[in-house]
N, C-alpha and C. Protein backbone atom coordinates (compact mmCIF):
# COMPACT_ATOMS: atom_id res chain seq x y z
N MET A 1 0.95 -1.18 -0.04
CA MET A 1 -0.08 0.04 0.01
C MET A 1 0.87 1.32 -0.04
N SER A 2 0.46 2.28 -0.69
CA SER A 2 1.18 3.37 -0.85
C SER A 2 0.23 4.75 -0.37
N LYS A 3 1.00 5.59 0.35
CA LYS A 3 0.23 6.91 0.79
C LYS A 3 0.26 7.81 -0.66
N GLU A 4 -1.00 8.35 -0.99
CA GLU A 4 -1.23 9.08 -2.21
C GLU A 4 -2.05 10.32 -1.88
N ARG A 5 -2.20 11.07 -2.79
CA ARG A 5 -2.94 12.31 -2.61
C ARG A 5 -4.05 12.08 -3.97
N THR A 6 -5.29 12.44 -3.64
CA THR A 6 -6.32 12.48 -4.73
C THR A 6 -7.15 13.91 -4.44
N PHE A 7 -7.90 14.11 -5.56
CA PHE A 7 -8.59 15.39 -5.65
C PHE A 7 -10.02 15.01 -5.49
N SER A 8 -10.88 15.74 -4.75
CA SER A 8 -12.20 15.56 -4.49
C SER A 8 -12.99 16.99 -4.58
N ILE A 9 -14.24 16.95 -5.04
CA ILE A 9 -15.03 18.15 -5.03
C ILE A 9 -16.39 17.61 -4.39
N ILE A 10 -16.99 18.53 -3.52
CA ILE A 10 -18.26 18.39 -3.19
C ILE A 10 -18.97 19.30 -4.03
N LYS A 11 -19.81 19.01 -4.84
CA LYS A 11 -20.44 19.75 -6.00
C LYS A 11 -21.74 20.42 -5.47
N PRO A 12 -22.04 21.41 -6.22
CA PRO A 12 -23.23 22.39 -5.57
C PRO A 12 -24.28 21.79 -5.04
N ASP A 13 -24.87 20.55 -5.57
CA ASP A 13 -25.84 20.04 -5.13
C ASP A 13 -25.61 19.51 -3.57
N GLY A 14 -24.40 19.02 -3.44
CA GLY A 14 -24.01 18.60 -2.23
C GLY A 14 -23.81 19.60 -1.06
N VAL A 15 -23.33 20.72 -1.58
CA VAL A 15 -23.19 21.93 -0.64
C VAL A 15 -24.40 22.59 -0.36
N SER A 16 -25.43 22.62 -1.39
CA SER A 16 -26.67 23.32 -0.92
C SER A 16 -27.65 22.41 -0.26
N ARG A 17 -27.29 21.14 -0.13
CA ARG A 17 -28.11 20.39 0.68
C ARG A 17 -27.43 20.10 2.23
N ASN A 18 -26.18 21.01 2.35
CA ASN A 18 -25.70 20.77 3.74
C ASN A 18 -24.98 19.43 3.97
N LEU A 19 -24.23 18.93 3.16
CA LEU A 19 -23.82 17.50 3.20
C LEU A 19 -22.23 17.58 3.46
N ILE A 20 -21.76 18.57 3.51
CA ILE A 20 -20.33 18.81 3.65
C ILE A 20 -19.75 17.92 4.72
N GLY A 21 -20.41 18.14 6.05
CA GLY A 21 -19.82 17.51 7.17
C GLY A 21 -20.05 15.95 7.05
N LYS A 22 -21.06 15.30 6.62
CA LYS A 22 -21.36 13.95 6.47
C LYS A 22 -20.35 13.42 5.48
N ILE A 23 -20.10 14.34 4.43
CA ILE A 23 -18.91 13.69 3.45
C ILE A 23 -17.74 13.66 3.94
N ILE A 24 -17.24 14.55 4.43
CA ILE A 24 -15.95 14.75 5.04
C ILE A 24 -15.70 13.74 6.06
N ALA A 25 -16.87 13.27 6.92
CA ALA A 25 -16.84 12.40 7.97
C ALA A 25 -16.63 11.13 7.38
N ARG A 26 -17.28 10.87 6.19
CA ARG A 26 -17.10 9.46 5.69
C ARG A 26 -15.71 9.30 5.22
N PHE A 27 -15.17 10.27 4.53
CA PHE A 27 -13.81 10.18 4.11
C PHE A 27 -12.77 9.87 5.18
N GLU A 28 -12.89 10.70 6.32
CA GLU A 28 -12.06 10.48 7.45
C GLU A 28 -12.43 9.17 8.13
N SER A 29 -13.60 8.72 8.19
CA SER A 29 -13.86 7.34 8.92
C SER A 29 -13.23 6.20 7.92
N GLU A 30 -12.90 6.43 6.72
CA GLU A 30 -12.38 5.26 5.79
C GLU A 30 -10.76 5.69 5.66
N GLY A 31 -10.22 6.55 6.56
CA GLY A 31 -8.75 6.62 6.56
C GLY A 31 -8.19 7.90 5.81
N LEU A 32 -9.08 8.64 4.96
CA LEU A 32 -8.56 9.61 4.32
C LEU A 32 -8.43 11.02 5.06
N PHE A 33 -7.46 11.74 4.85
CA PHE A 33 -7.42 13.07 5.54
C PHE A 33 -7.38 14.22 4.57
N VAL A 34 -8.26 15.34 5.01
CA VAL A 34 -8.28 16.66 4.22
C VAL A 34 -6.91 17.25 4.60
N ILE A 35 -6.03 17.50 3.67
CA ILE A 35 -4.90 18.26 3.70
C ILE A 35 -4.94 19.60 3.00
N GLY A 36 -6.12 19.84 2.30
CA GLY A 36 -6.34 21.14 1.54
C GLY A 36 -7.81 21.25 1.30
N ALA A 37 -8.26 22.59 1.70
CA ALA A 37 -9.70 22.67 1.09
C ALA A 37 -10.07 24.18 0.87
N LYS A 38 -10.93 24.24 -0.12
CA LYS A 38 -11.40 25.73 -0.30
C LYS A 38 -12.68 25.52 -0.75
N MET A 39 -13.61 26.40 -0.34
CA MET A 39 -14.89 26.80 -0.73
C MET A 39 -14.98 27.86 -1.94
N LYS A 40 -15.39 27.46 -3.07
CA LYS A 40 -15.22 28.33 -4.07
C LYS A 40 -16.51 28.40 -5.04
N GLN A 41 -16.72 29.41 -5.67
CA GLN A 41 -17.88 29.54 -6.72
C GLN A 41 -17.09 29.54 -7.98
N LEU A 42 -17.14 28.40 -8.70
CA LEU A 42 -16.25 28.32 -9.98
C LEU A 42 -16.77 29.15 -11.07
N SER A 43 -16.00 29.88 -11.77
CA SER A 43 -16.21 30.55 -12.85
C SER A 43 -16.46 29.72 -14.10
N ARG A 44 -17.11 30.05 -15.21
CA ARG A 44 -17.31 29.27 -16.26
C ARG A 44 -15.98 28.99 -16.97
N HIS A 45 -14.92 29.81 -16.99
CA HIS A 45 -13.80 29.36 -17.46
C HIS A 45 -13.03 28.39 -16.73
N GLU A 46 -13.09 28.31 -15.41
CA GLU A 46 -12.55 27.41 -14.59
C GLU A 46 -13.25 26.04 -14.72
N ALA A 47 -14.55 25.87 -14.96
CA ALA A 47 -15.24 24.77 -14.87
C ALA A 47 -15.05 24.19 -16.33
N GLU A 48 -14.98 25.08 -17.32
CA GLU A 48 -14.68 24.65 -18.67
C GLU A 48 -13.40 24.08 -18.80
N GLY A 49 -12.19 24.66 -18.24
CA GLY A 49 -10.96 24.29 -18.30
C GLY A 49 -10.97 22.91 -17.36
N PHE A 50 -11.50 22.84 -16.48
CA PHE A 50 -11.27 21.72 -15.50
C PHE A 50 -11.75 20.41 -16.25
N TYR A 51 -12.98 20.61 -16.89
CA TYR A 51 -13.71 19.36 -17.47
C TYR A 51 -13.42 19.46 -18.98
N ALA A 52 -12.28 20.17 -19.27
CA ALA A 52 -12.10 20.09 -20.89
C ALA A 52 -11.89 18.81 -21.56
N VAL A 53 -11.51 17.68 -20.82
CA VAL A 53 -11.43 16.38 -21.22
C VAL A 53 -12.59 15.84 -21.70
N HIS A 54 -13.84 16.41 -21.23
CA HIS A 54 -15.25 16.22 -21.63
C HIS A 54 -15.91 16.96 -22.70
N ARG A 55 -15.19 17.86 -23.33
CA ARG A 55 -15.54 18.97 -24.09
C ARG A 55 -16.41 18.18 -25.35
N SER A 56 -15.91 17.14 -25.79
CA SER A 56 -16.78 16.72 -27.06
C SER A 56 -17.96 15.76 -26.64
N ARG A 57 -18.08 15.61 -25.25
CA ARG A 57 -19.27 14.44 -24.92
C ARG A 57 -20.47 15.37 -24.66
N PRO A 58 -21.76 14.74 -25.02
CA PRO A 58 -22.89 15.32 -24.94
C PRO A 58 -23.40 16.01 -23.70
N PHE A 59 -22.91 15.50 -22.61
CA PHE A 59 -23.22 16.20 -21.28
C PHE A 59 -22.20 17.35 -20.79
N TYR A 60 -21.31 17.71 -21.60
CA TYR A 60 -20.30 18.71 -21.24
C TYR A 60 -20.93 20.17 -20.78
N ALA A 61 -21.85 20.59 -21.75
CA ALA A 61 -22.64 21.89 -21.47
C ALA A 61 -23.37 21.75 -19.99
N GLU A 62 -24.13 20.66 -19.94
CA GLU A 62 -24.85 20.51 -18.68
C GLU A 62 -23.90 20.38 -17.52
N LEU A 63 -22.68 19.69 -17.58
CA LEU A 63 -22.00 19.54 -16.49
C LEU A 63 -21.35 20.94 -15.94
N VAL A 64 -20.63 21.84 -16.98
CA VAL A 64 -20.32 22.83 -16.82
C VAL A 64 -21.20 23.80 -16.01
N ASN A 65 -22.59 23.93 -16.64
CA ASN A 65 -23.69 24.68 -16.04
C ASN A 65 -23.76 24.29 -14.48
N SER A 66 -23.91 22.98 -14.39
CA SER A 66 -24.18 22.56 -13.07
C SER A 66 -22.97 22.81 -12.05
N MET A 67 -21.80 22.89 -12.41
CA MET A 67 -20.70 23.12 -11.46
C MET A 67 -20.53 24.71 -11.17
N CYS A 68 -21.22 25.50 -12.04
CA CYS A 68 -21.15 26.91 -11.95
C CYS A 68 -22.35 27.39 -11.15
N SER A 69 -23.32 26.54 -10.99
CA SER A 69 -24.62 26.91 -10.21
C SER A 69 -24.57 27.26 -8.89
N GLY A 70 -23.50 26.87 -8.18
CA GLY A 70 -23.30 27.32 -6.57
C GLY A 70 -22.02 26.95 -6.23
N PRO A 71 -21.67 27.28 -4.99
CA PRO A 71 -20.43 27.02 -4.53
C PRO A 71 -19.95 25.57 -4.35
N VAL A 72 -18.78 25.30 -4.59
CA VAL A 72 -18.18 23.91 -4.31
C VAL A 72 -17.28 23.79 -3.18
N LEU A 73 -16.98 22.75 -2.67
CA LEU A 73 -15.86 22.49 -1.83
C LEU A 73 -14.80 21.61 -2.43
N LEU A 74 -13.67 22.41 -2.70
CA LEU A 74 -12.60 21.67 -3.38
C LEU A 74 -11.59 21.18 -2.27
N MET A 75 -11.27 19.91 -2.38
CA MET A 75 -10.51 19.08 -1.35
C MET A 75 -9.25 18.33 -1.89
N VAL A 76 -8.27 18.30 -1.17
CA VAL A 76 -7.17 17.47 -1.50
C VAL A 76 -7.11 16.45 -0.35
N LEU A 77 -7.31 15.07 -0.62
CA LEU A 77 -7.29 14.04 0.31
C LEU A 77 -6.05 13.37 0.24
N GLU A 78 -5.64 12.65 1.40
CA GLU A 78 -4.48 11.92 1.40
C GLU A 78 -4.61 10.75 2.26
N GLY A 79 -3.99 9.59 1.76
CA GLY A 79 -4.13 8.35 2.67
C GLY A 79 -3.47 7.19 1.76
N GLU A 80 -3.72 6.04 2.38
CA GLU A 80 -3.27 4.84 1.68
C GLU A 80 -4.14 4.66 0.54
N ASN A 81 -3.63 4.37 -0.61
CA ASN A 81 -4.34 4.21 -1.81
C ASN A 81 -5.59 5.17 -2.00
N ALA A 82 -5.37 6.36 -1.85
CA ALA A 82 -6.35 7.41 -1.63
C ALA A 82 -7.25 7.47 -3.07
N ILE A 83 -6.72 7.22 -4.14
CA ILE A 83 -7.33 7.40 -5.21
C ILE A 83 -8.37 6.23 -5.40
N LEU A 84 -8.00 5.15 -5.39
CA LEU A 84 -9.00 3.94 -5.31
C LEU A 84 -10.12 4.03 -4.19
N LYS A 85 -9.65 4.45 -3.05
CA LYS A 85 -10.39 4.30 -1.89
C LYS A 85 -11.47 5.30 -2.18
N ASN A 86 -11.09 6.68 -2.57
CA ASN A 86 -12.04 7.62 -2.65
C ASN A 86 -13.10 7.23 -3.76
N ARG A 87 -12.74 6.63 -4.88
CA ARG A 87 -13.62 6.16 -5.95
C ARG A 87 -14.43 5.03 -5.28
N GLU A 88 -14.06 4.20 -4.48
CA GLU A 88 -14.97 3.27 -3.77
C GLU A 88 -15.95 3.81 -2.87
N ILE A 89 -15.56 4.91 -2.24
CA ILE A 89 -16.46 5.60 -1.09
C ILE A 89 -17.49 6.29 -2.11
N MET A 90 -17.06 6.85 -3.14
CA MET A 90 -17.97 7.78 -4.04
C MET A 90 -19.06 6.82 -4.53
N GLY A 91 -18.79 5.71 -5.10
CA GLY A 91 -19.77 4.90 -5.78
C GLY A 91 -19.71 5.32 -7.30
N ALA A 92 -20.58 4.50 -8.01
CA ALA A 92 -20.76 4.73 -9.59
C ALA A 92 -21.32 6.16 -9.75
N THR A 93 -20.93 6.66 -10.99
CA THR A 93 -21.48 8.00 -11.39
C THR A 93 -22.88 8.17 -11.37
N ASN A 94 -23.58 7.21 -11.69
CA ASN A 94 -25.09 7.00 -11.76
C ASN A 94 -25.55 6.55 -10.40
N PRO A 95 -25.89 7.44 -9.54
CA PRO A 95 -26.54 7.05 -8.21
C PRO A 95 -27.34 5.83 -8.30
N THR A 96 -28.06 5.43 -9.30
CA THR A 96 -29.04 4.42 -9.06
C THR A 96 -28.33 3.10 -9.40
N GLU A 97 -26.88 3.23 -9.96
CA GLU A 97 -26.14 1.95 -10.08
C GLU A 97 -24.92 1.89 -9.13
N ALA A 98 -24.97 2.91 -8.09
CA ALA A 98 -23.96 2.92 -7.27
C ALA A 98 -24.23 1.78 -6.02
N LYS A 99 -23.11 1.32 -5.65
CA LYS A 99 -23.38 0.20 -4.40
C LYS A 99 -23.80 0.96 -3.19
N GLU A 100 -24.51 0.10 -2.47
CA GLU A 100 -25.16 0.63 -1.11
C GLU A 100 -24.11 1.29 -0.38
N ASN A 101 -24.62 2.32 0.50
CA ASN A 101 -23.72 3.12 1.45
C ASN A 101 -22.52 3.83 0.85
N THR A 102 -22.61 4.02 -0.63
CA THR A 102 -21.61 4.90 -1.17
C THR A 102 -22.23 6.24 -1.07
N ILE A 103 -21.42 7.24 -1.22
CA ILE A 103 -21.82 8.68 -1.19
C ILE A 103 -22.83 8.96 -2.22
N ARG A 104 -22.72 8.56 -3.44
CA ARG A 104 -23.54 8.79 -4.65
C ARG A 104 -25.05 8.10 -4.32
N LYS A 105 -24.88 6.86 -3.77
CA LYS A 105 -26.14 6.13 -3.40
C LYS A 105 -26.83 6.81 -2.41
N LEU A 106 -26.16 7.34 -1.33
CA LEU A 106 -26.96 7.84 -0.19
C LEU A 106 -27.22 9.22 -0.59
N PHE A 107 -26.55 10.08 -1.41
CA PHE A 107 -26.81 11.39 -1.40
C PHE A 107 -27.17 11.90 -2.93
N GLY A 108 -26.69 11.15 -3.98
CA GLY A 108 -26.81 11.63 -5.47
C GLY A 108 -28.27 11.72 -5.72
N VAL A 109 -28.64 12.72 -6.65
CA VAL A 109 -29.91 12.90 -7.06
C VAL A 109 -30.17 12.40 -8.61
N SER A 110 -29.21 12.42 -9.32
CA SER A 110 -29.03 12.11 -10.69
C SER A 110 -27.62 11.81 -11.12
N ILE A 111 -27.36 11.35 -12.45
CA ILE A 111 -25.97 11.40 -12.95
C ILE A 111 -25.45 12.83 -13.02
N GLY A 112 -26.26 13.78 -13.31
CA GLY A 112 -25.91 15.24 -13.39
C GLY A 112 -25.69 15.88 -11.91
N GLU A 113 -26.39 15.50 -11.06
CA GLU A 113 -26.25 15.98 -9.51
C GLU A 113 -25.91 14.63 -8.82
N ASN A 114 -24.60 14.23 -8.81
CA ASN A 114 -24.17 13.05 -8.05
C ASN A 114 -23.35 13.46 -6.92
N THR A 115 -23.49 14.53 -6.60
CA THR A 115 -22.83 15.18 -5.13
C THR A 115 -21.38 15.32 -5.08
N VAL A 116 -20.60 14.36 -5.69
CA VAL A 116 -19.12 14.50 -5.50
C VAL A 116 -18.37 14.14 -6.84
N HIS A 117 -17.11 14.59 -6.87
CA HIS A 117 -16.16 14.28 -7.91
C HIS A 117 -15.07 13.73 -7.32
N GLY A 118 -14.39 12.78 -7.97
CA GLY A 118 -12.85 12.40 -7.46
C GLY A 118 -12.03 11.92 -8.74
N SER A 119 -10.92 12.31 -8.50
CA SER A 119 -9.82 11.79 -9.48
C SER A 119 -9.87 10.30 -9.72
N ASP A 120 -9.50 9.95 -11.01
CA ASP A 120 -9.56 8.53 -11.49
C ASP A 120 -8.30 7.84 -11.47
N ALA A 121 -7.19 8.64 -11.58
CA ALA A 121 -5.76 8.01 -11.75
C ALA A 121 -4.88 8.96 -11.31
N PRO A 122 -3.66 8.46 -10.90
CA PRO A 122 -2.56 9.28 -10.46
C PRO A 122 -2.15 10.41 -11.18
N ASP A 123 -2.08 10.55 -12.60
CA ASP A 123 -1.73 11.71 -13.40
C ASP A 123 -3.03 12.48 -13.29
N THR A 124 -4.25 12.09 -13.28
CA THR A 124 -5.39 12.99 -13.16
C THR A 124 -5.34 13.60 -11.87
N ALA A 125 -5.25 12.96 -10.73
CA ALA A 125 -5.18 13.62 -9.45
C ALA A 125 -4.12 14.63 -9.36
N LYS A 126 -2.94 14.52 -9.89
CA LYS A 126 -1.84 15.43 -9.96
C LYS A 126 -2.36 16.73 -10.65
N ASN A 127 -2.82 16.57 -11.89
CA ASN A 127 -3.32 17.72 -12.60
C ASN A 127 -4.57 18.39 -11.99
N GLU A 128 -5.48 17.69 -11.52
CA GLU A 128 -6.78 18.29 -10.84
C GLU A 128 -6.30 19.00 -9.62
N ILE A 129 -5.32 18.53 -8.90
CA ILE A 129 -4.81 19.28 -7.56
C ILE A 129 -4.34 20.40 -7.98
N ALA A 130 -3.40 20.43 -9.12
CA ALA A 130 -2.66 21.51 -9.49
C ALA A 130 -3.42 22.67 -10.03
N TRP A 131 -4.83 22.39 -10.71
CA TRP A 131 -5.76 23.32 -11.26
C TRP A 131 -6.26 24.27 -10.13
N PHE A 132 -6.24 23.78 -9.03
CA PHE A 132 -6.88 24.48 -7.88
C PHE A 132 -6.06 24.90 -6.62
N PHE A 133 -4.90 24.11 -6.43
CA PHE A 133 -3.98 24.34 -5.22
C PHE A 133 -2.56 24.38 -5.63
N ALA A 134 -1.93 25.40 -4.90
CA ALA A 134 -0.47 25.35 -4.89
C ALA A 134 -0.05 24.45 -3.83
N GLU A 135 1.27 23.89 -4.17
CA GLU A 135 1.66 22.91 -3.00
C GLU A 135 1.75 23.73 -1.67
N SER A 136 1.99 24.93 -1.71
CA SER A 136 1.88 25.71 -0.45
C SER A 136 0.65 25.75 0.33
N ASP A 137 -0.51 25.37 -0.42
CA ASP A 137 -1.76 25.39 0.11
C ASP A 137 -2.00 24.24 0.91
N LEU A 138 -1.15 23.09 0.77
CA LEU A 138 -1.44 21.80 1.34
C LEU A 138 -0.69 21.61 2.70
N ALA A 139 -1.25 21.00 3.55
CA ALA A 139 -0.82 20.62 4.82
C ALA A 139 -0.04 19.11 4.76
N ASN A 140 1.01 18.85 5.51
CA ASN A 140 1.63 17.60 5.51
C ASN A 140 0.74 16.98 6.73
N LYS A 141 0.18 15.81 6.43
CA LYS A 141 -0.42 14.95 7.50
C LYS A 141 0.62 14.10 8.29
N GLN A 142 0.66 14.44 9.37
CA GLN A 142 1.80 13.63 10.19
C GLN A 142 1.34 12.54 10.78
């Protein structure tokens, strides 16, 4: 097992429904530590750039609009196998297909309002973290 970092977003639907504490508690109970966090209202430019990999997909405009619809909580999580662990905790993108007791099964409303985002691979995590955080923004977990 290796300690690594991953990127996570509590999306506008999760923030507006006051789920921040429940979601962070879930990450912490599973051995992930928040080493950086920012509450932010994403600009269209930020959301379009962040999700540029999906630009040609039919859901891109809806995704960008959703991510700009309210504040988000941006986080860097650290822990053993953090990327895989975070993805397991989040569950499948579609809440109706997510496993029981995952964040998306418990709190997701739809594919578009699925409450959380998480990096899917080490390179993605590195790039997503750098999109919003400088290294100096992050605490070292002892």
